[in-house]
Amino acid sequence: MKEYLDLLTYILENGEERKDRTGTGTIGVFGLQARYNLAKGFPLLTTKKVLFDGVLRELLWFLKGSTNINEDLKQYTPIWNAWADENGDLGPVYGYQWRKWNSYEKDENGVFEENHIDQIKQVIHLIKTEPHSRRLIVSAWNVADLKKMALPPCHLLFQFYVNDSQRRLDLQLYQRSADMALGVPFNIASYSLLLMMVAQECDLKPGFFIHTIGDAHIYLDHLEGVKKQLTRTPGQLPTVTIAKKPIFDLKFEDFQLNNYVHQGFIKFPVSV
């Protein structure tokens, strides 16, 4: 997609070289945004191969509230293996915060009891019942839980917007830290899929995925691959079809990626 390639070009031309937590070093800028119109196709990069199956497996794992790679993830994609402990646990990462955010309420005796908030169910209910709400938000940035997480959330907050006149649902993501070469193509595809799933559940059309990024960086050992990708011309976007089922009944087999024509795979090392 041109929108994504334009971000890479902007970083290369305007970025600041910095040291980073991993010791690899990056070049980056602070504060970028791109808009992807799902009416024009599914935003899966065509200038290199992106592993759609891995994107989908991870998203379904999040939506189940899972936080252990042995729960139907590790056998399909190694995306979280480097951060898991010896038992496969990651702590209360995305899935936990999306589906089981801790809350505390007083019982009839005035004693606080621990409960959980299912943010995904909550936001879907709000979209259906209060579509004009400015609180259609899901957050993974639970400050009290950050030290328990194997990795603090990078894509940490997203907000939905209902366009009444067009019966359209948009989604904006705020991502505090973005590995532009390796992670961001996955993030774009994942949240576009999530937008499609929620739109279908709410009888709306998926519209725009707006990606707002804080620290947008390219690792120094990714530069050669990024420059190679920028020599390639984007092709026509694929489409995705989803079975007509309630959102929490959807399984991997209910998704179909259609007409994905991509250029060669570019390998980027993972910085942990």
Protein backbone atom coordinates (compact mmCIF):
# COMPACT_ATOMS: atom_id res chain seq x y z
CA MET A 1 0.00 0.00 0.00
CA LYS A 2 1.26 3.44 -0.91
CA GLU A 3 0.17 4.82 2.47
CA TYR A 4 2.53 2.44 4.27
CA LEU A 5 5.43 2.96 1.87
CA ASP A 6 5.06 6.72 2.29
CA LEU A 7 5.60 6.31 6.04
CA LEU A 8 8.80 4.35 5.46
CA THR A 9 10.08 7.02 3.08
CA TYR A 10 9.26 9.80 5.54
CA ILE A 11 11.18 8.05 8.33
CA LEU A 12 14.22 7.47 6.13
CA GLU A 13 14.25 11.12 5.07
CA ASN A 14 13.43 12.72 8.44
CA GLY A 15 14.24 10.18 11.13
CA GLU A 16 16.58 10.51 14.09
CA GLU A 17 19.01 7.71 14.85
CA ARG A 18 18.59 6.51 18.43
CA LYS A 19 19.70 3.80 20.83
CA ASP A 20 16.90 1.52 21.98
CA ARG A 21 15.95 -1.04 24.62
CA THR A 22 17.07 -4.00 22.48
CA GLY A 23 20.53 -2.60 21.75
CA THR A 24 19.95 -2.84 18.00
CA GLY A 25 19.48 0.87 17.30
CA THR A 26 16.77 2.55 15.26
CA ILE A 27 15.98 5.47 13.01
CA GLY A 28 12.58 6.96 13.76
CA VAL A 29 10.18 9.85 14.11
CA PHE A 30 7.49 10.65 16.65
CA GLY A 31 3.89 11.08 15.56
CA LEU A 32 2.69 9.57 12.26
CA GLN A 33 -0.71 8.61 10.90
CA ALA A 34 -2.09 6.68 7.94
CA ARG A 35 -5.65 5.93 6.78
CA TYR A 36 -6.61 2.69 5.05
CA ASN A 37 -9.96 2.53 3.24
CA LEU A 38 -11.27 -1.02 3.45
CA ALA A 39 -13.72 -0.28 0.65
CA LYS A 40 -10.69 -0.36 -1.68
CA GLY A 41 -9.58 -3.81 -0.52
CA PHE A 42 -8.02 -5.49 2.47
CA PRO A 43 -4.79 -3.67 3.48
CA LEU A 44 -2.34 -6.56 3.33
CA LEU A 45 1.04 -5.56 1.88
CA THR A 46 1.70 -6.68 -1.67
CA THR A 47 5.28 -5.38 -1.85
CA LYS A 48 6.31 -8.34 0.31
CA LYS A 49 4.59 -11.45 1.64
CA VAL A 50 2.76 -11.02 4.95
CA LEU A 51 1.72 -14.22 6.72
CA PHE A 52 -2.04 -13.71 6.91
CA ASP A 53 -2.56 -17.00 8.75
CA GLY A 54 -0.31 -15.80 11.58
CA VAL A 55 -2.16 -12.48 11.78
CA LEU A 56 -5.51 -14.25 12.03
CA ARG A 57 -4.33 -16.87 14.54
CA GLU A 58 -2.97 -14.16 16.84
CA LEU A 59 -6.13 -12.05 16.64
CA LEU A 60 -8.40 -15.00 17.44
CA TRP A 61 -6.07 -15.84 20.35
CA PHE A 62 -6.43 -12.27 21.67
CA LEU A 63 -10.21 -12.41 21.32
CA LYS A 64 -10.38 -15.59 23.39
CA GLY A 65 -8.66 -13.74 26.22
CA SER A 66 -5.66 -16.08 26.01
CA THR A 67 -2.26 -15.21 27.48
CA ASN A 68 -0.41 -18.52 27.06
CA ILE A 69 1.18 -19.50 23.74
CA ASN A 70 0.27 -23.16 24.35
CA GLU A 71 -3.41 -22.24 24.01
CA ASP A 72 -3.79 -22.70 20.25
CA LEU A 73 -1.03 -20.31 19.13
CA LYS A 74 2.51 -21.74 19.32
CA GLN A 75 1.79 -24.58 16.88
CA TYR A 76 0.72 -22.07 14.22
CA THR A 77 3.02 -19.07 14.63
CA PRO A 78 6.17 -18.29 16.68
CA ILE A 79 5.22 -14.61 17.00
CA TRP A 80 5.13 -14.63 20.84
CA ASN A 81 7.61 -17.43 21.58
CA ALA A 82 10.56 -15.15 22.40
CA TRP A 83 8.70 -13.46 25.26
CA ALA A 84 6.94 -16.44 26.89
CA ASP A 85 8.27 -18.11 30.03
CA GLU A 86 9.06 -21.82 30.32
CA ASN A 87 5.35 -22.60 30.76
CA GLY A 88 4.29 -20.48 27.79
CA ASP A 89 2.86 -17.70 29.97
CA LEU A 90 3.07 -14.01 29.03
CA GLY A 91 1.26 -12.44 31.96
CA PRO A 92 -1.89 -10.29 31.56
CA VAL A 93 -1.20 -9.10 28.00
CA TYR A 94 -3.68 -8.04 25.29
CA GLY A 95 -6.24 -10.82 25.50
CA TYR A 96 -6.53 -10.53 29.26
CA GLN A 97 -7.01 -6.77 29.18
CA TRP A 98 -9.50 -6.94 26.29
CA ARG A 99 -11.69 -9.59 27.91
CA LYS A 100 -10.89 -9.67 31.66
CA TRP A 101 -9.83 -6.21 32.85
CA ASN A 102 -9.83 -6.33 36.67
CA SER A 103 -12.51 -4.34 38.48
CA TYR A 104 -13.54 -4.10 42.11
CA GLU A 105 -17.09 -3.52 43.35
CA LYS A 106 -18.64 -3.39 46.82
CA ASP A 107 -21.00 -6.17 47.84
CA GLU A 108 -24.02 -5.65 50.09
CA ASN A 109 -21.72 -5.69 53.14
CA GLY A 110 -19.49 -2.97 51.76
CA VAL A 111 -16.65 -5.39 51.03
CA PHE A 112 -14.83 -5.00 47.71
CA GLU A 113 -15.03 -8.06 45.47
CA GLU A 114 -12.85 -8.69 42.44
CA ASN A 115 -14.65 -8.86 39.12
CA HIS A 116 -13.76 -8.50 35.45
CA ILE A 117 -14.79 -6.23 32.59
CA ASP A 118 -15.13 -7.71 29.11
CA GLN A 119 -14.17 -4.65 27.06
CA ILE A 120 -14.88 -6.29 23.70
CA LYS A 121 -18.43 -7.29 24.65
CA GLN A 122 -18.93 -3.90 26.27
CA VAL A 123 -17.85 -1.91 23.19
CA ILE A 124 -19.95 -4.04 20.83
CA HIS A 125 -22.98 -3.44 23.06
CA LEU A 126 -22.31 0.31 23.00
CA ILE A 127 -21.93 0.37 19.21
CA LYS A 128 -25.35 -1.29 18.92
CA THR A 129 -27.14 0.77 21.59
CA GLU A 130 -25.28 4.11 21.70
CA PRO A 131 -23.62 4.47 18.30
CA HIS A 132 -22.95 8.20 18.81
CA SER A 133 -20.98 7.60 22.00
CA ARG A 134 -17.46 8.99 22.14
CA ARG A 135 -16.56 6.21 24.57
CA LEU A 136 -16.36 3.32 22.08
CA ILE A 137 -12.90 2.52 23.42
CA VAL A 138 -10.87 -0.57 24.33
CA SER A 139 -7.59 -0.15 26.22
CA ALA A 140 -4.78 -2.62 26.86
CA TRP A 141 -2.68 -0.12 28.83
CA ASN A 142 -3.48 -1.21 32.38
CA VAL A 143 -0.87 0.63 34.43
CA ALA A 144 -1.31 -1.64 37.46
CA ASP A 145 -0.52 -4.74 35.39
CA LEU A 146 2.39 -3.51 33.28
CA LYS A 147 5.09 -5.09 35.44
CA LYS A 148 3.33 -8.46 35.22
CA MET A 149 3.40 -8.44 31.42
CA ALA A 150 6.16 -10.08 29.39
CA LEU A 151 5.95 -7.07 27.07
CA PRO A 152 3.94 -3.89 27.69
CA PRO A 153 1.34 -3.36 24.95
CA CYS A 154 2.59 -1.55 21.86
CA HIS A 155 -0.85 -1.19 20.24
CA LEU A 156 -2.50 0.00 23.39
CA LEU A 157 -5.83 1.70 22.68
CA PHE A 158 -8.45 1.67 19.93
CA GLN A 159 -11.66 3.60 19.36
CA PHE A 160 -14.63 2.97 17.07
CA TYR A 161 -16.73 5.57 15.25
CA VAL A 162 -20.13 4.96 13.65
CA ASN A 163 -20.97 6.95 10.51
CA ASP A 164 -24.78 6.91 10.50
CA SER A 165 -25.42 8.22 7.00
CA GLN A 166 -23.28 5.51 5.41
CA ARG A 167 -23.94 2.77 8.01
CA ARG A 168 -20.16 2.56 8.30
CA LEU A 169 -17.85 1.64 11.17
CA ASP A 170 -14.36 3.15 11.45
CA LEU A 171 -11.58 2.21 13.87
CA GLN A 172 -8.62 4.26 15.06
CA LEU A 173 -5.66 2.64 16.80
CA TYR A 174 -3.06 4.41 18.93
CA GLN A 175 0.25 2.55 18.91
CA ARG A 176 2.94 3.85 21.27
CA SER A 177 5.80 1.93 19.64
CA ALA A 178 5.89 0.65 16.07
CA ASP A 179 8.45 -1.62 14.43
CA MET A 180 7.68 -0.34 10.95
CA ALA A 181 9.30 -3.10 8.91
CA LEU A 182 8.28 -6.23 10.79
CA GLY A 183 5.41 -5.44 13.16
CA VAL A 184 3.35 -2.72 11.50
CA PRO A 185 2.21 -4.77 8.46
CA PHE A 186 0.83 -7.32 10.97
CA ASN A 187 -0.81 -4.55 13.03
CA ILE A 188 -2.51 -3.03 9.98
CA ALA A 189 -3.90 -6.38 8.90
CA SER A 190 -4.92 -7.42 12.42
CA TYR A 191 -6.91 -4.30 13.28
CA SER A 192 -8.47 -4.21 9.82
CA LEU A 193 -9.67 -7.77 10.43
CA LEU A 194 -10.98 -6.77 13.86
CA LEU A 195 -12.82 -3.84 12.27
CA MET A 196 -14.43 -6.18 9.73
CA MET A 197 -15.50 -8.63 12.45
CA VAL A 198 -17.04 -5.99 14.71
CA ALA A 199 -18.73 -4.25 11.75
CA GLN A 200 -20.35 -7.52 10.70
CA GLU A 201 -21.49 -8.19 14.28
CA CYS A 202 -23.10 -4.74 14.42
CA ASP A 203 -24.65 -4.86 10.92
CA LEU A 204 -22.38 -2.08 9.63
CA LYS A 205 -19.92 -1.75 6.74
CA PRO A 206 -16.20 -1.66 7.58
CA GLY A 207 -14.86 1.74 6.62
CA PHE A 208 -11.52 3.30 7.54
CA PHE A 209 -8.75 1.90 9.69
CA ILE A 210 -6.81 4.90 10.99
CA HIS A 211 -3.38 4.04 12.36
CA THR A 212 -1.90 6.64 14.71
CA ILE A 213 1.67 5.96 15.80
CA GLY A 214 3.81 7.46 18.56
CA ASP A 215 7.40 6.23 18.16
CA ALA A 216 7.60 5.01 14.54
CA HIS A 217 10.97 3.38 14.00
CA ILE A 218 12.98 1.24 11.63
CA TYR A 219 15.64 -0.97 13.20
CA LEU A 220 19.08 -0.37 11.71
CA ASP A 221 19.38 -4.03 10.72
CA HIS A 222 16.11 -3.66 8.77
CA LEU A 223 17.29 -0.78 6.59
CA GLU A 224 18.51 -2.90 3.68
CA GLY A 225 15.20 -4.78 3.49
CA VAL A 226 13.16 -1.58 3.77
CA LYS A 227 15.08 0.06 0.93
CA LYS A 228 14.55 -3.07 -1.17
CA GLN A 229 10.82 -2.94 -0.49
CA LEU A 230 10.66 0.72 -1.50
CA THR A 231 11.86 -0.20 -5.00
CA ARG A 232 8.73 -2.33 -5.50
CA THR A 233 5.41 -1.12 -6.91
CA PRO A 234 2.28 -1.96 -4.86
CA GLY A 235 -0.24 -4.25 -6.55
CA GLN A 236 -3.99 -4.65 -6.25
CA LEU A 237 -5.18 -5.37 -2.74
CA PRO A 238 -6.77 -8.72 -1.84
CA THR A 239 -10.16 -9.15 -0.19
CA VAL A 240 -11.27 -11.08 2.88
CA THR A 241 -14.59 -12.86 3.35
CA ILE A 242 -15.90 -13.83 6.79
CA ALA A 243 -18.60 -16.39 7.54
CA LYS A 244 -21.88 -14.98 8.85
CA LYS A 245 -21.57 -16.01 12.48
CA PRO A 246 -21.63 -14.25 15.85
CA ILE A 247 -18.20 -12.74 16.47
CA PHE A 248 -17.27 -15.04 19.35
CA ASP A 249 -18.21 -18.14 17.35
CA LEU A 250 -15.82 -17.33 14.50
CA LYS A 251 -12.97 -19.77 13.96
CA PHE A 252 -9.92 -19.80 11.71
CA GLU A 253 -11.77 -21.75 9.01
CA ASP A 254 -14.44 -19.02 8.77
CA PHE A 255 -12.04 -16.57 7.10
CA GLN A 256 -10.97 -16.59 3.47
CA LEU A 257 -8.21 -14.47 1.95
CA ASN A 258 -8.93 -13.92 -1.75
CA ASN A 259 -6.65 -12.90 -4.64
CA TYR A 260 -3.56 -12.16 -2.59
CA VAL A 261 -0.80 -11.55 -5.14
CA HIS A 262 2.42 -10.45 -3.46
CA GLN A 263 6.07 -9.95 -4.25
CA GLY A 264 8.89 -11.91 -2.61
CA PHE A 265 9.26 -12.42 1.12
CA ILE A 266 11.74 -10.09 2.88
CA LYS A 267 13.23 -11.50 6.07
CA PHE A 268 13.66 -9.07 8.96
CA PRO A 269 15.34 -10.20 12.23
CA VAL A 270 13.33 -9.85 15.44
CA SER A 271 14.69 -7.55 18.15
CA VAL A 272 13.70 -8.80 21.61
